[in-house]
Amino acid sequence: MNDTVETLATPLTRDQLRAALIGKKHKCESELVTLFGVQVELHQPTLAAILDAREEDDIQTRTADVFIRYAYVPGTNERIFEDTDRATILDWPFTQDLIEVQSVIARLTGVDIGTVEEELKADPLDESS
């Protein structure tokens, strides 16, 4: 057995693990953010959504999709935006509100923006980076 894995006093069976992990719907986290003077609720992306976003090469589509896919009427599961809103979203002025949305999505996905920025700045040919 791997020494780095802690063993529980009473280990769970495979069926118990499956019931806990697959047998129920896990609730996504969410956070309220102000967007152009109104509060919206941003929902945590699913694993499938993150993988789908990686397949989208167009940065404008990927950016607008953050609002379309994850912005909800607070306290509901009703999305605010539709795919047909993409052009309007891309025409918004770039304000601190949009930066805050990016920060909230990063928190909800566990992305450390500071670490990512440092990795992007690192010289790939420098062995110490």
Protein backbone atom coordinates (compact mmCIF):
# COMPACT_ATOMS: atom_id res chain seq x y z
CA MET A 1 0.00 0.00 0.00
CA ASN A 2 1.18 3.54 -0.75
CA ASP A 3 2.65 5.10 2.42
CA THR A 4 1.41 8.59 1.46
CA VAL A 5 -2.25 7.55 1.58
CA GLU A 6 -3.85 7.87 4.99
CA THR A 7 -5.97 4.93 6.00
CA LEU A 8 -9.28 5.60 7.70
CA ALA A 9 -10.11 3.86 10.96
CA THR A 10 -12.87 2.03 9.09
CA PRO A 11 -12.10 2.05 5.37
CA LEU A 12 -15.04 2.60 3.05
CA THR A 13 -16.05 -0.18 0.72
CA ARG A 14 -16.16 0.28 -3.03
CA ASP A 15 -19.96 0.48 -2.90
CA GLN A 16 -19.83 3.16 -0.19
CA LEU A 17 -17.28 5.16 -2.19
CA ARG A 18 -19.36 4.88 -5.35
CA ALA A 19 -22.51 5.91 -3.47
CA ALA A 20 -20.72 8.99 -2.12
CA LEU A 21 -19.05 9.96 -5.39
CA ILE A 22 -21.39 8.82 -8.16
CA GLY A 23 -24.66 7.99 -6.43
CA LYS A 24 -25.62 11.61 -5.75
CA LYS A 25 -25.49 14.95 -7.52
CA HIS A 26 -22.82 17.20 -6.07
CA LYS A 27 -23.72 20.84 -5.62
CA CYS A 28 -21.59 23.34 -7.49
CA GLU A 29 -20.38 26.31 -5.50
CA SER A 30 -21.46 29.80 -6.49
CA GLU A 31 -20.60 33.38 -5.70
CA LEU A 32 -22.40 36.69 -6.14
CA VAL A 33 -20.71 39.40 -8.19
CA THR A 34 -21.78 42.87 -9.30
CA LEU A 35 -21.89 43.31 -13.05
CA PHE A 36 -22.68 46.80 -14.33
CA GLY A 37 -24.55 47.66 -11.13
CA VAL A 38 -26.61 44.48 -10.75
CA GLN A 39 -25.87 41.31 -8.83
CA VAL A 40 -25.52 38.04 -10.69
CA GLU A 41 -24.61 34.63 -9.37
CA LEU A 42 -21.67 32.81 -10.95
CA HIS A 43 -21.84 29.03 -10.74
CA GLN A 44 -18.81 26.78 -10.57
CA PRO A 45 -18.09 25.12 -13.93
CA THR A 46 -18.36 21.35 -14.22
CA LEU A 47 -15.49 19.15 -15.32
CA ALA A 48 -17.15 18.73 -18.75
CA ALA A 49 -17.48 22.51 -19.11
CA ILE A 50 -13.79 23.05 -18.35
CA LEU A 51 -12.78 20.40 -20.87
CA ASP A 52 -15.15 21.80 -23.51
CA ALA A 53 -13.72 25.30 -22.99
CA ARG A 54 -10.22 23.98 -23.66
CA GLU A 55 -11.40 22.78 -27.07
CA GLU A 56 -12.62 26.26 -28.07
CA ASP A 57 -9.82 28.02 -29.95
CA ASP A 58 -11.56 31.38 -30.36
CA ILE A 59 -10.75 33.54 -27.32
CA GLN A 60 -13.77 35.78 -27.90
CA THR A 61 -16.18 32.86 -27.92
CA ARG A 62 -14.49 31.32 -24.88
CA THR A 63 -14.65 34.62 -22.97
CA ALA A 64 -18.30 35.33 -23.80
CA ASP A 65 -19.15 31.74 -22.87
CA VAL A 66 -18.06 32.44 -19.29
CA PHE A 67 -21.02 34.81 -18.97
CA ILE A 68 -23.41 32.71 -21.05
CA ARG A 69 -22.68 29.44 -19.25
CA TYR A 70 -22.04 30.50 -15.64
CA ALA A 71 -24.05 33.68 -14.92
CA TYR A 72 -27.36 32.91 -13.23
CA VAL A 73 -30.29 34.76 -11.74
CA PRO A 74 -29.28 34.82 -8.03
CA GLY A 75 -30.72 31.95 -6.02
CA THR A 76 -31.90 30.01 -9.08
CA ASN A 77 -30.66 27.64 -11.76
CA GLU A 78 -31.84 30.02 -14.50
CA ARG A 79 -29.14 31.30 -16.82
CA ILE A 80 -29.26 35.02 -17.55
CA PHE A 81 -27.68 34.95 -21.01
CA GLU A 82 -28.21 32.93 -24.18
CA ASP A 83 -25.88 32.07 -27.04
CA THR A 84 -27.55 34.82 -29.07
CA ASP A 85 -26.20 37.39 -26.54
CA ARG A 86 -22.56 36.69 -27.47
CA ALA A 87 -22.10 39.79 -29.71
CA THR A 88 -23.66 42.07 -27.10
CA ILE A 89 -21.45 40.66 -24.34
CA LEU A 90 -18.35 41.17 -26.49
CA ASP A 91 -19.37 44.80 -27.00
CA TRP A 92 -19.38 45.57 -23.25
CA PRO A 93 -16.80 48.07 -22.00
CA PHE A 94 -13.88 46.36 -20.28
CA THR A 95 -14.32 47.41 -16.65
CA GLN A 96 -13.28 46.30 -13.19
CA ASP A 97 -16.53 44.29 -13.08
CA LEU A 98 -15.26 42.03 -15.86
CA ILE A 99 -11.96 41.54 -14.06
CA GLU A 100 -13.89 40.60 -10.91
CA VAL A 101 -15.91 38.01 -12.87
CA GLN A 102 -12.63 36.50 -14.05
CA SER A 103 -11.34 36.42 -10.46
CA VAL A 104 -14.51 34.76 -9.16
CA ILE A 105 -14.41 32.08 -11.88
CA ALA A 106 -10.75 31.49 -11.02
CA ARG A 107 -11.65 31.03 -7.33
CA LEU A 108 -14.53 28.70 -8.17
CA THR A 109 -12.24 26.54 -10.30
CA GLY A 110 -9.31 26.64 -7.89
CA VAL A 111 -7.04 28.44 -10.36
CA ASP A 112 -4.35 30.59 -8.75
CA ILE A 113 -4.07 33.49 -11.19
CA GLY A 114 -0.78 34.66 -9.68
CA THR A 115 0.83 31.26 -10.23
CA VAL A 116 -0.49 31.05 -13.78
CA GLU A 117 0.83 34.54 -14.58
CA GLU A 118 4.27 33.59 -13.25
CA GLU A 119 4.27 30.39 -15.30
CA LEU A 120 3.36 32.35 -18.42
CA LYS A 121 6.23 34.79 -17.79
CA ALA A 122 8.76 32.00 -17.20
CA ASP A 123 11.31 31.33 -19.93
CA PRO A 124 10.65 27.78 -21.19
CA LEU A 125 14.34 27.43 -22.03
CA ASP A 126 15.46 28.38 -18.53
CA GLU A 127 15.86 25.18 -16.51
CA SER A 128 15.33 27.02 -13.20
CA SER A 129 11.84 28.28 -14.27
